[in-house]
Amino acid sequence: MQRPIYMVFGVLSFYAQYAYLSSSSAKLFQFTEEARAALCPFVGTEGMRCFDGSPLKRSGRTFDAGYMKLPRSVGISIDRSTGLLKAPAVKLTYSPTGSRVWTDGYTGDMFDMINEAILGPASRVVSAYNAARVQIFQNASQLKAAWQQTFADGNVRGGELARPPDVLAYFNSYFDHGEALALSQRSIGLYTMTLNSSTVELNSFARRALSHLTAMFDIDLYEDFIDAWGTHIITKSLVGGMIEERAKVTRCFRAADNGMFARCIPFRDRRLINSNCAYYAAQTRVISKRLLGGNVEVDHEDEWKRTLAVGPALLQILEMVPWYDFVTDAAVKKSLHTVIRYRLRNVDNLQAEAVRQVDARLSPCVSVPLSSTYIKFNSLWKKHGITVAGGNGAGSSMNQLNRPVGVLVDDDQTLYIADWGNHRIVEWKAGATCGRVVAGGNGLGSRADQLNYPHDVIVDKVRDCFLIGDSGNHRVLRWSLRGATSGETIINEGGATFLTMDEQGFLFVTNWLGTLLSL
């Protein structure tokens, strides 16, 4: 399977580069030194940059150009198929010095505003962004879906998600080693910037590039235009800085554990709040951290924030329009629309095939049953155990147990114990010195409120209940989690010993004879 994967990526690479190798029209769209002087710098996804992809050099505490003028973060062209920013395409001018200014809340510095743009608060957009700041990707399909969804929603994220994923690289670095990628993107927003649609005018370099497009369709000519100027123009953006961290996580974990992993990975801005996170944190490893925007050489976070205004990063593309919306000639508009649509569809199809082949090489994740007796193969063991429940001798007091058999550990580290000798199910919170009876506890018996040597217990969160293997009564009981005083018999045959439920909700029961029942 290795060879087809490289073949697909060879096609992708060729498709992205072939115009430069085969077309003589590419030089029509090459950027000159005049263009560099006029169009650079502008805001990129990692900080200030120029259209050749190189970051802007620093000079002291400011950037070489544009200091005290609000950096340009709209009107920039982008190739949606690659996620690469190309060049400023819209004419932007500045208000007379000091007449219209934006003040940086971190430093108090004032910046002349752009006449053709409207500034807005960043707080609401940042709040929505950070609500989903941690994402976990277990395979190439999930990575591709995340990137494509941002374009479908019209909210393209920056950082690691700014470009389509190199799925083979992720496979080699993570998935092939039984690991998933956990990505944290914490954004610090300064403002949103929106082009005023009534004043939008292409700059002279963009107009000159469009003028080379002929009414008679020439595929090489149009492809060369897109290679240089992209497919869309950004009309609204979120600007600021980002702290991006990556971690490795055990790839095959239960879907129900996803939220706990996301909360418990020890990224820089969080500390383990309690022991509930210890199990999940032990299966993660933070491997990298980077700053996007500002002076990335400043290590102290508060000081780094003070450098963002003069050199921010493009955190999110909130709105963009295709190039053909700026074309008036009907024939050119139609041709440009066709080429852009073809490029996007072709690249999407090629990447989909690459993703399919990469994921086909992954070992499937076996659905882990929600079992009270299941212990993960990679569980970490301490040399010396500690008592977490009971430990006060055999007995029926709430700080005692009597021959406990089945134990379930919930997501929040709460224990549910089949207290066999006391004919009850006990809930025991992490760190507590005594438990609480949640089922049975009314003496040995066969009534609906009694148990007879219960052997196992699991929790069915979908139906909000316990399932109890009441072995002495040869039954399985369903017992509501909402303070019920009695249970309901759902299986009434055999001496139920062990219970488990898979992620599809199918219940499996074994009895004393080793017979397996399923529901």
Protein backbone atom coordinates (compact mmCIF):
# COMPACT_ATOMS: atom_id res chain seq x y z
CA MET A 1 0.00 0.00 0.00
CA GLN A 2 2.97 2.35 0.39
CA ARG A 3 3.48 2.97 -3.33
CA PRO A 4 -0.06 4.15 -4.21
CA ILE A 5 0.07 6.67 -1.38
CA TYR A 6 3.24 8.24 -2.71
CA MET A 7 1.76 8.20 -6.19
CA VAL A 8 -1.25 10.20 -5.01
CA PHE A 9 0.93 12.73 -3.26
CA GLY A 10 3.11 12.93 -6.33
CA VAL A 11 0.05 13.93 -8.31
CA LEU A 12 -0.86 16.55 -5.71
CA SER A 13 2.62 18.01 -5.78
CA PHE A 14 2.70 18.02 -9.57
CA TYR A 15 -0.71 19.66 -9.75
CA ALA A 16 0.39 22.48 -7.45
CA GLN A 17 3.64 23.14 -9.29
CA TYR A 18 3.26 22.19 -12.91
CA ALA A 19 2.40 25.68 -14.13
CA TYR A 20 5.79 26.96 -13.12
CA LEU A 21 7.48 24.13 -15.00
CA SER A 22 5.51 24.09 -18.22
CA SER A 23 3.94 27.49 -18.85
CA SER A 24 5.60 30.49 -20.44
CA SER A 25 2.78 32.79 -19.27
CA ALA A 26 3.75 32.50 -15.59
CA LYS A 27 6.11 35.46 -15.90
CA LEU A 28 3.12 37.71 -16.67
CA PHE A 29 2.06 37.38 -13.04
CA GLN A 30 5.43 37.49 -11.32
CA PHE A 31 5.68 40.08 -8.55
CA THR A 32 8.23 42.81 -9.12
CA GLU A 33 10.30 44.78 -6.64
CA GLU A 34 7.83 47.60 -7.18
CA ALA A 35 5.04 45.29 -6.04
CA ARG A 36 7.06 44.17 -3.03
CA ALA A 37 7.64 47.76 -1.95
CA ALA A 38 3.97 48.66 -2.35
CA LEU A 39 2.22 45.53 -1.06
CA CYS A 40 4.45 44.27 1.75
CA PRO A 41 4.05 43.67 4.60
CA PHE A 42 0.61 42.22 5.26
CA VAL A 43 -0.84 40.00 7.96
CA GLY A 44 -0.24 36.27 7.46
CA THR A 45 -1.36 33.23 9.41
CA GLU A 46 1.90 33.18 11.40
CA GLY A 47 2.61 36.91 11.55
CA MET A 48 3.64 39.69 9.19
CA ARG A 49 4.86 38.43 5.83
CA CYS A 50 5.33 39.16 2.15
CA PHE A 51 3.88 37.44 -0.90
CA ASP A 52 6.89 35.18 -1.42
CA GLY A 53 6.10 33.52 1.90
CA SER A 54 9.03 34.94 3.79
CA PRO A 55 8.41 36.48 7.22
CA LEU A 56 9.17 40.15 7.67
CA LYS A 57 12.53 40.91 9.23
CA ARG A 58 12.54 42.73 12.54
CA SER A 59 14.21 45.99 13.45
CA GLY A 60 14.28 46.68 17.18
CA ARG A 61 10.83 46.53 18.79
CA THR A 62 8.92 47.25 15.58
CA PHE A 63 8.73 45.98 12.05
CA ASP A 64 10.65 47.68 9.25
CA ALA A 65 7.52 48.98 7.55
CA GLY A 66 4.01 49.95 8.53
CA TYR A 67 4.74 50.89 12.14
CA MET A 68 1.91 52.97 13.60
CA LYS A 69 -0.26 52.12 10.63
CA LEU A 70 -2.80 49.38 11.24
CA PRO A 71 -1.49 46.22 9.49
CA ARG A 72 -3.39 45.09 6.39
CA SER A 73 -5.43 41.96 7.13
CA VAL A 74 -8.23 42.19 4.54
CA GLY A 75 -8.21 42.51 0.78
CA ILE A 76 -5.57 39.75 0.67
CA SER A 77 -5.91 36.99 -1.92
CA ILE A 78 -5.80 33.33 -0.90
CA ASP A 79 -5.69 30.03 -2.76
CA ARG A 80 -8.46 28.01 -1.19
CA SER A 81 -7.02 24.75 -2.57
CA THR A 82 -3.77 25.17 -0.63
CA GLY A 83 -4.68 27.66 2.10
CA LEU A 84 -1.76 29.87 1.05
CA LEU A 85 -2.09 33.63 1.27
CA LYS A 86 -0.91 35.30 -1.93
CA ALA A 87 -0.88 39.12 -2.03
CA PRO A 88 -2.95 42.21 -1.17
CA ALA A 89 -5.37 42.70 -4.06
CA VAL A 90 -7.54 45.57 -2.79
CA LYS A 91 -6.50 49.21 -2.69
CA LEU A 92 -6.18 50.29 0.95
CA THR A 93 -5.42 53.82 2.12
CA TYR A 94 -4.84 55.34 5.54
CA SER A 95 -6.51 58.23 7.29
CA PRO A 96 -4.41 61.35 7.91
CA THR A 97 -2.10 60.77 10.85
CA GLY A 98 -4.01 60.90 14.11
CA SER A 99 -7.44 61.59 12.59
CA ARG A 100 -8.86 58.05 12.96
CA VAL A 101 -6.94 55.75 15.25
CA TRP A 102 -7.20 52.38 16.94
CA THR A 103 -5.59 52.08 20.38
CA ASP A 104 -3.88 48.89 21.47
CA GLY A 105 -5.28 47.81 24.84
CA TYR A 106 -2.00 46.16 25.85
CA THR A 107 0.38 49.07 25.20
CA GLY A 108 -1.72 52.17 24.59
CA ASP A 109 -0.04 52.65 21.20
CA MET A 110 -2.22 54.27 18.55
CA PHE A 111 -2.48 53.14 14.94
CA ASP A 112 -3.87 55.01 11.95
CA MET A 113 -6.92 53.17 10.60
CA ILE A 114 -7.59 51.99 7.06
CA ASN A 115 -10.20 54.08 5.25
CA GLU A 116 -11.72 51.15 3.36
CA ALA A 117 -12.11 48.88 6.42
CA ILE A 118 -14.33 48.73 9.49
CA LEU A 119 -12.98 47.53 12.83
CA GLY A 120 -15.07 45.48 15.24
CA PRO A 121 -14.59 43.89 18.67
CA ALA A 122 -12.91 40.51 18.76
CA SER A 123 -14.39 39.19 22.01
CA ARG A 124 -17.39 37.31 20.63
CA VAL A 125 -15.47 35.68 17.79
CA VAL A 126 -12.59 34.74 20.12
CA SER A 127 -15.01 33.24 22.63
CA ALA A 128 -16.53 31.01 19.96
CA TYR A 129 -13.07 30.11 18.66
CA ASN A 130 -11.70 29.17 22.05
CA ALA A 131 -14.80 27.16 22.96
CA ALA A 132 -13.49 24.55 20.52
CA ARG A 133 -9.80 25.27 21.07
CA VAL A 134 -8.78 21.64 21.67
CA GLN A 135 -9.41 19.13 18.91
CA ILE A 136 -8.28 15.50 18.76
CA PHE A 137 -7.67 13.79 15.42
CA GLN A 138 -7.40 10.01 15.36
CA ASN A 139 -7.02 9.59 11.60
CA ALA A 140 -6.53 11.45 8.34
CA SER A 141 -10.26 11.60 7.62
CA GLN A 142 -10.89 13.65 10.75
CA LEU A 143 -8.10 16.08 9.85
CA LYS A 144 -9.39 16.55 6.33
CA ALA A 145 -12.97 16.97 7.54
CA ALA A 146 -11.92 19.65 10.04
CA TRP A 147 -10.12 21.64 7.36
CA GLN A 148 -12.92 21.31 4.81
CA GLN A 149 -15.59 22.21 7.37
CA THR A 150 -13.93 25.54 8.10
CA PHE A 151 -14.32 26.50 4.45
CA ALA A 152 -17.89 25.21 4.37
CA ASP A 153 -18.72 27.31 7.43
CA GLY A 154 -16.86 30.33 6.07
CA ASN A 155 -14.65 30.47 9.18
CA VAL A 156 -11.18 29.34 8.17
CA ARG A 157 -8.91 28.84 11.17
CA GLY A 158 -5.25 29.75 11.24
CA GLY A 159 -2.17 27.98 12.51
CA GLU A 160 -2.03 24.24 11.89
CA LEU A 161 -5.50 24.28 10.32
CA ALA A 162 -4.78 27.08 7.86
CA ARG A 163 -3.70 24.65 5.14
CA PRO A 164 -4.92 21.25 3.97
CA PRO A 165 -3.25 18.52 6.02
CA ASP A 166 -0.28 16.59 4.72
CA VAL A 167 -1.92 13.31 5.64
CA LEU A 168 1.12 11.15 4.95
CA ALA A 169 3.22 13.24 7.33
CA TYR A 170 0.57 12.92 10.04
CA PHE A 171 0.37 9.19 9.42
CA ASN A 172 4.13 8.80 9.86
CA SER A 173 4.30 11.06 12.92
CA TYR A 174 1.17 9.97 14.78
CA PHE A 175 -1.33 7.44 13.47
CA ASP A 176 1.14 4.73 12.45
CA HIS A 177 2.48 4.70 16.03
CA GLY A 178 -0.92 4.23 17.66
CA GLU A 179 -1.17 7.91 18.54
CA ALA A 180 -3.64 10.69 17.81
CA LEU A 181 -2.89 14.39 17.38
CA ALA A 182 -4.34 16.72 20.01
CA LEU A 183 -4.22 20.32 18.85
CA SER A 184 -4.77 23.31 21.13
CA GLN A 185 -5.27 26.74 19.56
CA ARG A 186 -5.72 29.50 22.13
CA SER A 187 -6.40 32.80 20.39
CA ILE A 188 -5.86 36.32 21.71
CA GLY A 189 -7.96 38.60 19.54
CA LEU A 190 -7.25 42.28 18.96
CA TYR A 191 -10.06 43.16 16.54
CA THR A 192 -12.01 42.06 13.50
CA MET A 193 -11.48 43.90 10.24
CA THR A 194 -14.13 44.06 7.50
CA LEU A 195 -13.88 45.57 4.04
CA ASN A 196 -16.46 48.27 3.39
CA SER A 197 -18.16 46.80 0.32
CA SER A 198 -19.12 50.22 -1.03
CA THR A 199 -15.47 51.32 -1.29
CA VAL A 200 -13.78 48.14 -2.56
CA GLU A 201 -11.39 48.81 -5.44
CA LEU A 202 -8.66 46.50 -6.71
CA ASN A 203 -5.13 47.87 -6.53
CA SER A 204 -3.11 48.56 -9.67
CA PHE A 205 -1.17 45.28 -9.46
CA ALA A 206 -4.34 43.18 -9.23
CA ARG A 207 -5.97 45.13 -12.07
CA ARG A 208 -2.88 44.61 -14.21
CA ALA A 209 -2.95 40.87 -13.51
CA LEU A 210 -6.62 40.60 -14.46
CA SER A 211 -5.99 42.52 -17.67
CA HIS A 212 -3.80 39.64 -18.91
CA LEU A 213 -6.74 37.21 -18.81
CA THR A 214 -8.12 36.82 -22.32
CA ALA A 215 -11.70 36.31 -23.43
CA MET A 216 -10.46 33.32 -25.43
CA PHE A 217 -9.94 30.59 -22.88
CA ASP A 218 -6.31 29.60 -22.25
CA ILE A 219 -5.99 27.01 -19.48
CA ASP A 220 -2.29 27.73 -18.84
CA LEU A 221 -2.89 31.46 -18.61
CA TYR A 222 -5.75 31.10 -16.13
CA GLU A 223 -3.89 28.52 -14.06
CA ASP A 224 -0.88 30.83 -13.87
CA PHE A 225 -3.10 33.64 -12.63
CA ILE A 226 -4.46 31.43 -9.84
CA ASP A 227 -0.97 30.21 -8.94
CA ALA A 228 0.07 33.82 -8.40
CA TRP A 229 -3.13 35.44 -7.11
CA GLY A 230 -5.17 32.60 -5.64
CA THR A 231 -8.87 31.82 -5.88
CA HIS A 232 -10.50 34.18 -3.34
CA ILE A 233 -10.07 37.55 -1.63
CA ILE A 234 -10.46 37.92 2.14
CA THR A 235 -13.11 40.48 3.11
CA LYS A 236 -13.35 39.90 6.88
CA SER A 237 -10.80 38.57 9.35
CA LEU A 238 -9.99 38.05 13.02
CA VAL A 239 -6.60 39.50 13.94
CA GLY A 240 -4.39 38.93 17.00
CA GLY A 241 -2.09 36.22 18.31
CA MET A 242 -2.27 32.50 18.93
CA ILE A 243 -0.61 30.03 21.27
CA GLU A 244 -0.66 26.70 19.48
CA GLU A 245 0.35 23.45 21.14
CA ARG A 246 0.40 19.86 19.94
CA ALA A 247 0.21 16.71 22.01
CA LYS A 248 0.23 12.99 21.34
CA VAL A 249 -2.70 10.99 22.73
CA THR A 250 -3.51 7.30 22.69
CA ARG A 251 -5.29 6.88 19.35
CA CYS A 252 -7.81 4.17 20.14
CA PHE A 253 -9.89 5.42 23.04
CA ARG A 254 -13.62 5.37 23.60
CA ALA A 255 -15.58 8.19 22.02
CA ALA A 256 -16.99 8.91 25.48
CA ASP A 257 -13.46 9.70 26.68
CA ASN A 258 -12.85 12.40 24.08
CA GLY A 259 -14.09 15.22 26.31
CA MET A 260 -12.01 14.07 29.27
CA PHE A 261 -8.86 13.89 27.16
CA ALA A 262 -9.52 17.38 25.79
CA ARG A 263 -9.92 18.76 29.32
CA CYS A 264 -7.00 16.91 30.87
CA ILE A 265 -4.10 17.36 28.44
CA PRO A 266 -1.53 19.43 30.37
CA PHE A 267 -1.22 22.33 27.96
CA ARG A 268 0.68 25.37 29.19
CA ASP A 269 -2.26 27.44 30.42
CA ARG A 270 -3.85 24.73 32.57
CA ARG A 271 -3.00 22.72 35.63
CA LEU A 272 -4.41 19.38 36.69
CA ILE A 273 -7.29 20.44 38.91
CA ASN A 274 -7.85 17.12 40.64
CA SER A 275 -7.11 13.44 40.46
CA ASN A 276 -9.89 12.90 37.91
CA CYS A 277 -7.45 13.97 35.19
CA ALA A 278 -4.51 11.83 36.27
CA TYR A 279 -5.48 8.76 34.23
CA TYR A 280 -6.05 10.75 31.03
CA ALA A 281 -3.05 13.03 31.45
CA ALA A 282 -0.81 9.98 31.87
CA GLN A 283 -1.72 8.91 28.32
CA THR A 284 -0.80 12.23 26.72
CA ARG A 285 2.45 14.01 25.93
CA VAL A 286 2.76 17.65 24.88
CA ILE A 287 5.35 17.73 22.09
CA SER A 288 5.44 21.30 20.79
CA LYS A 289 4.38 24.86 21.37
CA ARG A 290 4.63 27.89 19.14
CA LEU A 291 3.50 31.50 19.14
CA LEU A 292 1.81 32.99 16.09
CA GLY A 293 1.99 36.73 15.70
CA GLY A 294 4.04 39.30 17.57
CA ASN A 295 7.64 38.77 18.61
CA VAL A 296 7.86 35.00 18.99
CA GLU A 297 11.22 35.32 20.73
CA VAL A 298 9.51 36.84 23.79
CA ASP A 299 8.88 33.98 26.20
CA HIS A 300 6.73 35.74 28.82
CA GLU A 301 3.11 35.66 27.67
CA ASP A 302 2.10 39.12 28.92
CA GLU A 303 5.14 40.70 27.28
CA TRP A 304 4.45 38.81 24.06
CA LYS A 305 0.90 40.19 23.95
CA ARG A 306 2.36 43.70 23.98
CA THR A 307 4.08 42.93 20.66
CA LEU A 308 0.98 41.70 18.84
CA ALA A 309 -0.41 45.00 17.55
CA VAL A 310 2.60 45.83 15.36
CA GLY A 311 2.86 42.31 13.96
CA PRO A 312 -0.35 40.31 14.44
CA ALA A 313 -1.36 37.02 12.87
CA LEU A 314 -4.44 36.21 10.85
CA LEU A 315 -6.34 33.99 13.30
CA GLN A 316 -9.46 33.36 11.28
CA ILE A 317 -10.84 34.19 7.86
CA LEU A 318 -14.44 35.12 8.55
CA GLU A 319 -15.51 36.02 5.00
CA MET A 320 -14.01 35.75 1.52
CA VAL A 321 -15.28 36.13 -2.04
CA PRO A 322 -14.07 34.42 -5.23
CA TRP A 323 -11.93 36.33 -7.70
CA TYR A 324 -14.53 36.16 -10.46
CA ASP A 325 -16.84 38.41 -8.43
CA PHE A 326 -14.42 41.25 -9.20
CA VAL A 327 -14.48 40.62 -12.97
CA THR A 328 -16.84 42.53 -15.27
CA ASP A 329 -16.05 40.89 -18.62
CA ALA A 330 -18.56 38.05 -19.01
CA ALA A 331 -16.23 35.70 -20.90
CA VAL A 332 -13.34 36.19 -18.47
CA LYS A 333 -15.68 35.79 -15.49
CA LYS A 334 -17.00 32.50 -16.86
CA SER A 335 -13.53 31.14 -17.62
CA LEU A 336 -12.16 32.13 -14.23
CA HIS A 337 -15.17 30.58 -12.51
CA THR A 338 -14.62 27.33 -14.43
CA VAL A 339 -10.91 27.10 -13.66
CA ILE A 340 -11.37 27.87 -9.95
CA ARG A 341 -14.15 25.32 -9.62
CA TYR A 342 -12.10 22.70 -11.46
CA ARG A 343 -9.02 23.31 -9.32
CA LEU A 344 -10.93 23.09 -6.05
CA ARG A 345 -12.78 19.97 -7.07
CA ASN A 346 -9.70 18.26 -8.49
CA VAL A 347 -7.52 18.95 -5.45
CA ASP A 348 -10.32 17.92 -3.08
CA ASN A 349 -10.75 14.64 -4.96
CA LEU A 350 -7.03 13.93 -4.96
CA GLN A 351 -6.76 14.60 -1.26
CA ALA A 352 -9.82 12.47 -0.54
CA GLU A 353 -8.14 9.55 -2.30
CA ALA A 354 -4.91 10.12 -0.37
CA VAL A 355 -6.87 10.17 2.90
CA ARG A 356 -8.68 6.98 1.96
CA GLN A 357 -5.43 5.16 1.24
CA VAL A 358 -3.71 6.42 4.38
CA ASP A 359 -6.61 5.46 6.65
CA ALA A 360 -6.79 2.04 5.00
CA ARG A 361 -3.36 1.33 6.46
CA LEU A 362 -4.49 1.98 10.03
CA SER A 363 -5.39 -0.87 12.31
CA PRO A 364 -9.06 -0.50 13.25
CA CYS A 365 -9.83 0.70 16.74
CA VAL A 366 -11.68 -2.07 18.55
CA SER A 367 -14.78 -0.82 20.31
CA VAL A 368 -13.91 -1.04 24.01
CA PRO A 369 -16.82 -2.41 26.08
CA LEU A 370 -18.06 -0.35 28.99
CA SER A 371 -17.19 -3.12 31.40
CA SER A 372 -16.54 -3.00 35.11
CA THR A 373 -13.83 -5.66 34.72
CA TYR A 374 -12.03 -4.34 31.65
CA ILE A 375 -8.46 -3.10 32.16
CA LYS A 376 -6.77 -1.37 29.24
CA PHE A 377 -3.67 -3.09 27.90
CA ASN A 378 -1.56 0.05 28.39
CA SER A 379 -2.78 0.91 31.86
CA LEU A 380 -0.13 2.29 34.20
CA TRP A 381 0.44 0.47 37.48
CA LYS A 382 1.98 1.73 40.69
CA LYS A 383 4.27 -0.52 42.69
CA HIS A 384 2.27 0.06 45.86
CA GLY A 385 -1.49 0.43 45.84
CA ILE A 386 -3.59 2.70 48.01
CA THR A 387 -6.99 1.98 49.50
CA VAL A 388 -9.69 3.96 47.71
CA ALA A 389 -12.80 2.35 49.24
CA GLY A 390 -13.48 0.33 52.37
CA GLY A 391 -10.40 -0.78 54.25
CA ASN A 392 -12.12 -0.76 57.62
CA GLY A 393 -12.72 -4.48 57.90
CA ALA A 394 -15.68 -6.52 56.71
CA GLY A 395 -19.00 -5.01 57.73
CA SER A 396 -22.14 -3.22 56.66
CA SER A 397 -21.37 0.34 57.84
CA MET A 398 -21.01 3.00 55.14
CA ASN A 399 -17.23 3.01 55.55
CA GLN A 400 -17.08 -0.78 55.15
CA LEU A 401 -17.55 -3.38 52.44
CA ASN A 402 -18.16 -7.12 52.63
CA ARG A 403 -16.51 -9.15 49.89
CA PRO A 404 -16.88 -6.64 47.04
CA VAL A 405 -16.80 -8.29 43.61
CA GLY A 406 -17.63 -6.02 40.67
CA VAL A 407 -16.19 -2.51 40.46
CA LEU A 408 -16.89 0.19 37.86
CA VAL A 409 -14.83 3.38 37.61
CA ASP A 410 -16.81 6.23 36.05
CA ASP A 411 -15.34 9.09 33.99
CA ASP A 412 -15.08 11.29 37.09
CA GLN A 413 -13.28 8.52 39.03
CA THR A 414 -16.39 7.63 41.06
CA LEU A 415 -16.49 3.94 42.02
CA TYR A 416 -19.64 1.83 41.78
CA ILE A 417 -19.12 -1.34 43.81
CA ALA A 418 -21.11 -4.56 43.79
CA ASP A 419 -20.93 -5.14 47.57
CA TRP A 420 -21.63 -8.85 47.29
CA GLY A 421 -21.83 -9.77 50.98
CA ASN A 422 -24.02 -6.77 51.86
CA HIS A 423 -26.46 -7.29 48.94
CA ARG A 424 -26.11 -3.71 47.71
CA ILE A 425 -24.50 -1.39 45.17
CA VAL A 426 -22.36 1.34 46.74
CA GLU A 427 -21.29 4.62 45.16
CA TRP A 428 -17.91 5.80 46.43
CA LYS A 429 -16.63 9.23 45.35
CA ALA A 430 -12.93 9.80 44.73
CA GLY A 431 -11.25 10.76 48.00
CA ALA A 432 -14.33 10.01 50.13
CA THR A 433 -14.07 8.13 53.44
CA CYS A 434 -17.44 6.42 53.09
CA GLY A 435 -19.86 5.37 50.41
CA ARG A 436 -23.55 5.72 49.64
CA VAL A 437 -26.04 2.95 48.85
CA VAL A 438 -27.56 3.53 45.41
CA ALA A 439 -29.28 0.15 44.90
CA GLY A 440 -30.41 -2.63 47.25
CA GLY A 441 -29.33 -2.35 50.86
CA ASN A 442 -32.61 -3.76 52.13
CA GLY A 443 -31.28 -7.15 53.11
CA LEU A 444 -31.01 -10.34 51.11
CA GLY A 445 -34.16 -11.02 49.10
CA SER A 446 -35.88 -11.21 45.75
CA ARG A 447 -38.14 -8.15 45.91
CA ALA A 448 -37.62 -5.36 43.39
CA ASP A 449 -35.91 -3.28 46.11
CA GLN A 450 -33.61 -6.12 47.21
CA LEU A 451 -30.52 -7.84 45.85
CA ASN A 452 -29.11 -11.31 46.40
CA TYR A 453 -25.32 -11.42 46.16
CA PRO A 454 -24.93 -8.90 43.31
CA HIS A 455 -21.90 -9.81 41.25
CA ASP A 456 -21.43 -6.92 38.79
CA VAL A 457 -22.62 -3.42 37.94
CA ILE A 458 -22.27 -1.15 34.91
CA VAL A 459 -23.72 2.25 34.05
CA ASP A 460 -25.84 2.84 30.96
CA LYS A 461 -25.57 6.62 30.58
CA VAL A 462 -27.77 6.74 27.51
CA ARG A 463 -30.70 5.29 29.49
CA ASP A 464 -29.54 6.93 32.73
CA CYS A 465 -29.49 3.73 34.79
CA PHE A 466 -27.45 1.02 36.46
CA LEU A 467 -27.47 -2.52 35.14
CA ILE A 468 -26.91 -5.00 37.96
CA GLY A 469 -25.98 -8.67 37.70
CA ASP A 470 -28.07 -9.97 40.62
CA SER A 471 -26.55 -13.45 40.58
CA GLY A 472 -28.37 -14.94 43.57
CA ASN A 473 -31.73 -14.03 42.03
CA HIS A 474 -30.68 -15.21 38.54
CA ARG A 475 -31.57 -11.87 36.98
CA VAL A 476 -30.31 -8.59 35.57
CA LEU A 477 -31.90 -5.45 37.00
CA ARG A 478 -32.23 -2.01 35.48
CA TRP A 479 -32.04 0.59 38.26
CA SER A 480 -32.52 4.29 37.57
CA LEU A 481 -29.69 6.67 38.47
CA ARG A 482 -32.21 9.25 39.65
CA GLY A 483 -32.64 8.05 43.22
CA ALA A 484 -34.83 5.04 42.48
CA THR A 485 -35.76 2.78 45.40
CA SER A 486 -36.32 -0.34 43.30
CA GLY A 487 -35.23 -1.91 40.05
CA GLU A 488 -36.81 -3.52 37.01
CA THR A 489 -35.95 -7.05 35.88
CA ILE A 490 -34.84 -7.13 32.23
CA ILE A 491 -33.31 -10.64 32.17
CA ASN A 492 -34.65 -13.43 34.33
CA GLU A 493 -32.60 -16.49 33.48
CA GLY A 494 -29.26 -17.91 34.61
CA GLY A 495 -27.06 -16.62 37.38
CA ALA A 496 -25.79 -13.36 35.91
CA THR A 497 -22.13 -12.85 36.80
CA PHE A 498 -20.45 -10.35 34.50
CA LEU A 499 -21.98 -7.59 32.38
CA THR A 500 -20.64 -5.41 29.61
CA MET A 501 -22.11 -3.08 27.00
CA ASP A 502 -20.57 -1.97 23.73
CA GLU A 503 -20.75 1.52 22.28
CA GLN A 504 -23.80 0.58 20.20
CA GLY A 505 -25.74 -0.17 23.38
CA PHE A 506 -25.77 -3.98 23.11
CA LEU A 507 -25.68 -5.69 26.51
CA PHE A 508 -23.66 -8.87 27.04
CA VAL A 509 -24.16 -11.10 30.09
CA THR A 510 -22.34 -14.21 31.29
CA ASN A 511 -23.73 -16.67 33.82
CA TRP A 512 -22.16 -19.21 36.17
CA LEU A 513 -22.09 -21.81 33.41
CA GLY A 514 -20.07 -19.55 31.11
CA THR A 515 -23.02 -19.00 28.77
CA LEU A 516 -23.03 -15.65 26.96
CA LEU A 517 -26.35 -13.87 26.50
CA SER A 518 -26.74 -10.72 24.41
CA LEU A 519 -29.48 -8.12 24.14
